[in-house]
Amino acid sequence: TFGTWFDSQHICVTKISCGGSHCAVISDDHRCFTFGDNMYGQCAAGSSQSFVEAPHRVVLPSEEEQVMAVSLGWFHSLLLTDRNRLYSAGCN
């Protein structure tokens, strides 16, 4: 299960959001992980992977930015950072 995966990686999940067929979580250190359907790139895992089985860490342009909030739609993901930047992935 995903809970076991996060526990094995010593990741404390503080927030979760679910879209049509994908999910995203934010950890206590403000990293974002996505998994599930990636047909339209909504998991921000690259376009070559249509389904993300294991949680994938979303890499932002700046490693110093922290994800504060996440919201998912049917085919897209929105991430808000501590610098008030909004990033999107998928069919948006």
Protein backbone atom coordinates (compact mmCIF):
# COMPACT_ATOMS: atom_id res chain seq x y z
CA THR A 1 0.00 0.00 0.00
CA PHE A 2 1.04 3.62 -0.37
CA GLY A 3 1.06 4.14 3.39
CA THR A 4 3.70 1.44 3.67
CA TRP A 5 5.77 3.05 0.89
CA PHE A 6 5.75 6.44 2.63
CA ASP A 7 6.59 4.81 5.98
CA SER A 8 9.49 2.89 4.43
CA GLN A 9 10.88 6.17 3.03
CA HIS A 10 10.38 7.93 6.41
CA ILE A 11 8.02 10.45 4.81
CA CYS A 12 5.32 12.02 6.98
CA VAL A 13 2.30 12.92 4.84
CA THR A 14 0.47 16.04 6.02
CA LYS A 15 -1.87 16.78 3.07
CA ILE A 16 -3.49 14.76 0.31
CA SER A 17 -5.53 15.59 -2.76
CA CYS A 18 -7.24 13.28 -5.24
CA GLY A 19 -8.12 13.95 -8.86
CA GLY A 20 -9.98 11.83 -11.40
CA SER A 21 -7.51 8.95 -11.29
CA HIS A 22 -4.40 10.39 -9.64
CA CYS A 23 -3.36 11.56 -6.18
CA ALA A 24 -0.85 13.96 -4.70
CA VAL A 25 0.50 14.27 -1.18
CA ILE A 26 2.55 16.92 0.58
CA SER A 27 5.07 15.83 3.19
CA ASP A 28 5.92 17.60 6.43
CA ASP A 29 9.02 19.05 4.75
CA HIS A 30 6.85 20.40 1.88
CA ARG A 31 7.81 17.98 -0.86
CA CYS A 32 5.05 16.83 -3.24
CA PHE A 33 4.62 13.26 -4.44
CA THR A 34 2.16 12.12 -7.12
CA PHE A 35 0.93 8.77 -8.35
CA GLY A 36 -1.81 7.29 -10.52
CA ASP A 37 -2.98 8.12 -14.05
CA ASN A 38 -0.48 10.24 -15.98
CA MET A 39 -2.06 10.04 -19.44
CA TYR A 40 -1.99 13.84 -19.78
CA GLY A 41 1.12 14.45 -17.65
CA GLN A 42 -0.94 15.32 -14.56
CA CYS A 43 1.55 13.56 -12.25
CA ALA A 44 4.41 15.74 -13.57
CA ALA A 45 6.39 12.55 -14.16
CA GLY A 46 7.16 13.06 -17.84
CA SER A 47 4.99 12.30 -20.84
CA SER A 48 6.48 8.85 -21.52
CA GLN A 49 4.91 7.32 -18.42
CA SER A 50 1.12 6.90 -18.75
CA PHE A 51 0.69 5.52 -15.22
CA VAL A 52 2.79 6.22 -12.13
CA GLU A 53 2.66 3.18 -9.84
CA ALA A 54 5.01 4.25 -7.05
CA PRO A 55 4.86 7.78 -5.64
CA HIS A 56 6.99 10.16 -7.70
CA ARG A 57 8.54 13.31 -6.25
CA VAL A 58 7.58 16.40 -8.23
CA VAL A 59 10.69 18.42 -9.04
CA LEU A 60 10.18 22.18 -9.14
CA PRO A 61 12.38 24.58 -11.13
CA SER A 62 13.94 25.79 -7.87
CA GLU A 63 14.99 23.22 -5.26
CA GLU A 64 14.57 25.94 -2.61
CA GLU A 65 10.82 26.26 -3.20
CA GLN A 66 8.46 24.36 -0.96
CA VAL A 67 5.01 23.09 -1.90
CA MET A 68 2.40 24.54 0.42
CA ALA A 69 -0.83 23.39 -1.25
CA VAL A 70 -1.97 21.10 -4.02
CA SER A 71 -5.28 20.79 -5.85
CA LEU A 72 -6.13 18.18 -8.46
CA GLY A 73 -8.73 18.10 -11.19
CA TRP A 74 -9.73 15.29 -13.51
CA PHE A 75 -6.68 15.64 -15.80
CA HIS A 76 -4.50 18.29 -14.13
CA SER A 77 -2.59 19.21 -10.99
CA LEU A 78 -1.93 22.63 -9.43
CA LEU A 79 0.85 23.25 -6.90
CA LEU A 80 1.25 26.44 -4.87
CA THR A 81 4.67 27.19 -3.40
CA ASP A 82 5.93 29.23 -0.48
CA ARG A 83 6.98 31.90 -3.02
CA ASN A 84 3.35 32.23 -4.18
CA ARG A 85 4.14 30.59 -7.49
CA LEU A 86 1.51 28.37 -9.06
CA TYR A 87 2.67 25.43 -11.15
CA SER A 88 0.41 23.26 -13.27
CA ALA A 89 0.77 19.88 -14.92
CA GLY A 90 -1.46 17.90 -17.21
CA CYS A 91 -4.28 18.97 -19.49
CA ASN A 92 -4.83 22.54 -18.34
